[in-house]
C-alpha atoms as a PDB file:
ATOM      1  CA  MET A   1     -15.031   9.328  18.840  1.00  0.00           C
ATOM      2  CA  PRO A   2     -11.567   9.689  17.576  1.00  0.00           C
ATOM      3  CA  ASN A   3      -8.812   8.150  19.668  1.00  0.00           C
ATOM      4  CA  TYR A   4      -6.356  11.040  20.205  1.00  0.00           C
ATOM      5  CA  ASP A   5      -3.744   8.796  22.017  1.00  0.00           C
ATOM      6  CA  LEU A   6      -2.842   7.213  18.685  1.00  0.00           C
ATOM      7  CA  GLY A   7      -0.930  10.262  17.644  1.00  0.00           C
ATOM      8  CA  PRO A   8      -0.381  11.297  14.005  1.00  0.00           C
ATOM      9  CA  THR A   9      -0.569   8.408  11.568  1.00  0.00           C
ATOM     10  CA  GLY A  10      -0.465  10.272   8.200  1.00  0.00           C
ATOM     11  CA  GLN A  11      -3.862   8.641   7.199  1.00  0.00           C
ATOM     12  CA  PRO A  12      -7.066  10.623   6.930  1.00  0.00           C
ATOM     13  CA  CYS A  13      -9.503   9.986   9.939  1.00  0.00           C
ATOM     14  CA  TRP A  14     -12.411   9.208   7.644  1.00  0.00           C
ATOM     15  CA  PRO A  15     -11.240   7.784   4.209  1.00  0.00           C
ATOM     16  CA  VAL A  16     -13.516   8.815   1.567  1.00  0.00           C
ATOM     17  CA  SER A  17     -13.276   5.562  -0.419  1.00  0.00           C
ATOM     18  CA  GLN A  18     -11.986   2.118  -0.050  1.00  0.00           C
ATOM     19  CA  SER A  19      -9.278   2.851  -2.717  1.00  0.00           C
ATOM     20  CA  GLU A  20      -7.659   5.311  -0.453  1.00  0.00           C
ATOM     21  CA  ILE A  21      -7.039   2.538   2.111  1.00  0.00           C
ATOM     22  CA  GLU A  22      -5.938   0.122  -0.531  1.00  0.00           C
ATOM     23  CA  GLU A  23      -3.245   2.672  -1.960  1.00  0.00           C
ATOM     24  CA  SER A  24      -1.892   3.506   1.399  1.00  0.00           C
ATOM     25  CA  ALA A  25      -1.575  -0.185   2.442  1.00  0.00           C
ATOM     26  CA  ALA A  26       0.240  -1.102  -0.843  1.00  0.00           C
ATOM     27  CA  ALA A  27       2.527   1.913  -0.326  1.00  0.00           C
ATOM     28  CA  ASP A  28       3.652   0.556   3.054  1.00  0.00           C
ATOM     29  CA  GLU A  29       3.981  -3.215   2.020  1.00  0.00           C
ATOM     30  CA  LEU A  30       7.236  -5.025   2.767  1.00  0.00           C
ATOM     31  CA  LEU A  31       8.099  -8.279   1.324  1.00  0.00           C
ATOM     32  CA  VAL A  32      11.206 -10.175   2.252  1.00  0.00           C
ATOM     33  CA  TYR A  33      12.049 -13.436   0.557  1.00  0.00           C
ATOM     34  CA  PRO A  34      13.177 -16.352   0.689  1.00  0.00           C
ATOM     35  CA  ASN A  35      12.712 -16.590   4.331  1.00  0.00           C
ATOM     36  CA  PRO A  36      14.261 -18.625   5.805  1.00  0.00           C
ATOM     37  CA  THR A  37      17.546 -18.141   3.824  1.00  0.00           C
ATOM     38  CA  HIS A  38      21.257 -18.905   4.118  1.00  0.00           C
ATOM     39  CA  SER A  39      22.850 -16.597   1.468  1.00  0.00           C
ATOM     40  CA  ARG A  40      20.624 -13.675   0.110  1.00  0.00           C
ATOM     41  CA  LEU A  41      17.395 -11.926   1.007  1.00  0.00           C
ATOM     42  CA  TYR A  42      15.488  -9.935  -1.435  1.00  0.00           C
ATOM     43  CA  VAL A  43      13.433  -6.931  -0.272  1.00  0.00           C
ATOM     44  CA  GLN A  44      10.502  -5.711  -2.241  1.00  0.00           C
ATOM     45  CA  THR A  45       8.956  -2.467  -1.208  1.00  0.00           C
ATOM     46  CA  ALA A  46       7.987   0.903  -2.445  1.00  0.00           C
ATOM     47  CA  SER A  47      10.011   2.820   0.100  1.00  0.00           C
ATOM     48  CA  ASN A  48      13.498   3.950  -0.841  1.00  0.00           C
ATOM     49  CA  LYS A  49      14.602   4.170   2.785  1.00  0.00           C
ATOM     50  CA  GLU A  50      17.734   2.352   4.107  1.00  0.00           C
ATOM     51  CA  ARG A  51      17.304  -1.446   4.855  1.00  0.00           C
ATOM     52  CA  ARG A  52      18.792  -2.139   8.290  1.00  0.00           C
ATOM     53  CA  LEU A  53      19.359  -5.700   9.683  1.00  0.00           C
ATOM     54  CA  PHE A  54      19.485  -6.205  13.388  1.00  0.00           C
ATOM     55  CA  ASN A  55      20.334  -9.370  15.308  1.00  0.00           C
ATOM     56  CA  SER A  56      18.163 -10.776  18.171  1.00  0.00           C
ATOM     57  CA  ARG A  57      19.948  -8.501  20.762  1.00  0.00           C
ATOM     58  CA  GLY A  58      18.960  -5.289  18.758  1.00  0.00           C
ATOM     59  CA  GLN A  59      22.504  -4.671  17.421  1.00  0.00           C
ATOM     60  CA  LEU A  60      22.772  -3.284  13.820  1.00  0.00           C
ATOM     61  CA  VAL A  61      24.601  -5.925  11.870  1.00  0.00           C
ATOM     62  CA  GLN A  62      24.169  -4.643   8.329  1.00  0.00           C
ATOM     63  CA  ARG A  63      22.610  -1.752   6.271  1.00  0.00           C
ATOM     64  CA  THR A  64      22.155  -1.180   2.668  1.00  0.00           C
ATOM     65  CA  LYS A  65      19.972   0.815   0.183  1.00  0.00           C
ATOM     66  CA  GLY A  66      19.790  -1.880  -2.264  1.00  0.00           C
ATOM     67  CA  ASN A  67      16.966  -4.575  -2.584  1.00  0.00           C
ATOM     68  CA  GLU A  68      19.420  -7.479  -2.094  1.00  0.00           C
ATOM     69  CA  VAL A  69      20.961  -8.277   1.416  1.00  0.00           C
ATOM     70  CA  ASP A  70      23.768 -10.557   1.680  1.00  0.00           C
ATOM     71  CA  VAL A  71      23.471 -12.607   4.860  1.00  0.00           C
ATOM     72  CA  SER A  72      25.989 -15.440   4.000  1.00  0.00           C
ATOM     73  CA  ALA A  73      28.545 -14.149   6.430  1.00  0.00           C
ATOM     74  CA  LEU A  74      26.122 -14.072   9.243  1.00  0.00           C
ATOM     75  CA  PRO A  75      25.740 -16.869  11.947  1.00  0.00           C
ATOM     76  CA  ALA A  76      22.468 -18.810  11.788  1.00  0.00           C
ATOM     77  CA  GLY A  77      19.690 -17.116  13.863  1.00  0.00           C
ATOM     78  CA  VAL A  78      16.798 -14.793  13.995  1.00  0.00           C
ATOM     79  CA  TYR A  79      17.240 -11.317  12.605  1.00  0.00           C
ATOM     80  CA  TRP A  80      15.012  -8.338  12.187  1.00  0.00           C
ATOM     81  CA  LEU A  81      14.939  -6.278   8.934  1.00  0.00           C
ATOM     82  CA  ARG A  82      13.651  -2.624   9.304  1.00  0.00           C
ATOM     83  CA  VAL A  83      12.702  -0.453   6.370  1.00  0.00           C
ATOM     84  CA  GLY A  84      11.366   2.843   7.556  1.00  0.00           C
ATOM     85  CA  ASN A  85       8.676   1.935  10.149  1.00  0.00           C
ATOM     86  CA  ARG A  86       8.162  -1.537   8.745  1.00  0.00           C
ATOM     87  CA  VAL A  87       9.935  -4.549  10.384  1.00  0.00           C
ATOM     88  CA  ARG A  88      10.080  -8.131   9.324  1.00  0.00           C
ATOM     89  CA  LYS A  89      11.542 -11.260  11.079  1.00  0.00           C
ATOM     90  CA  VAL A  90      14.224 -13.024   9.041  1.00  0.00           C
ATOM     91  CA  VAL A  91      15.643 -16.412   9.753  1.00  0.00           C
ATOM     92  CA  VAL A  92      19.315 -17.189   8.629  1.00  0.00           C
ATOM     93  CA  GLU A  93      20.095 -20.961   8.510  1.00  0.00           C
END
């Protein structure tokens, strides 16, 4: 039985092959390194969406379209990087 409470996911309900699952997972992958950092973050993703960095209070502190995020001016703490619907925890030392 399908779970209709999940809403639309953009994925087929019954994948035809394992390669379909692997392709969709690779397209959504979001890598952020080095983490923790003190100067720059590098973002690796197939998405061309805006990269938005939020502080621990949920306030937007930085946004960029590039794959490099300068965090040297930010105070040490925990931040959240969002690209599309993917979010990664980032620690600035």
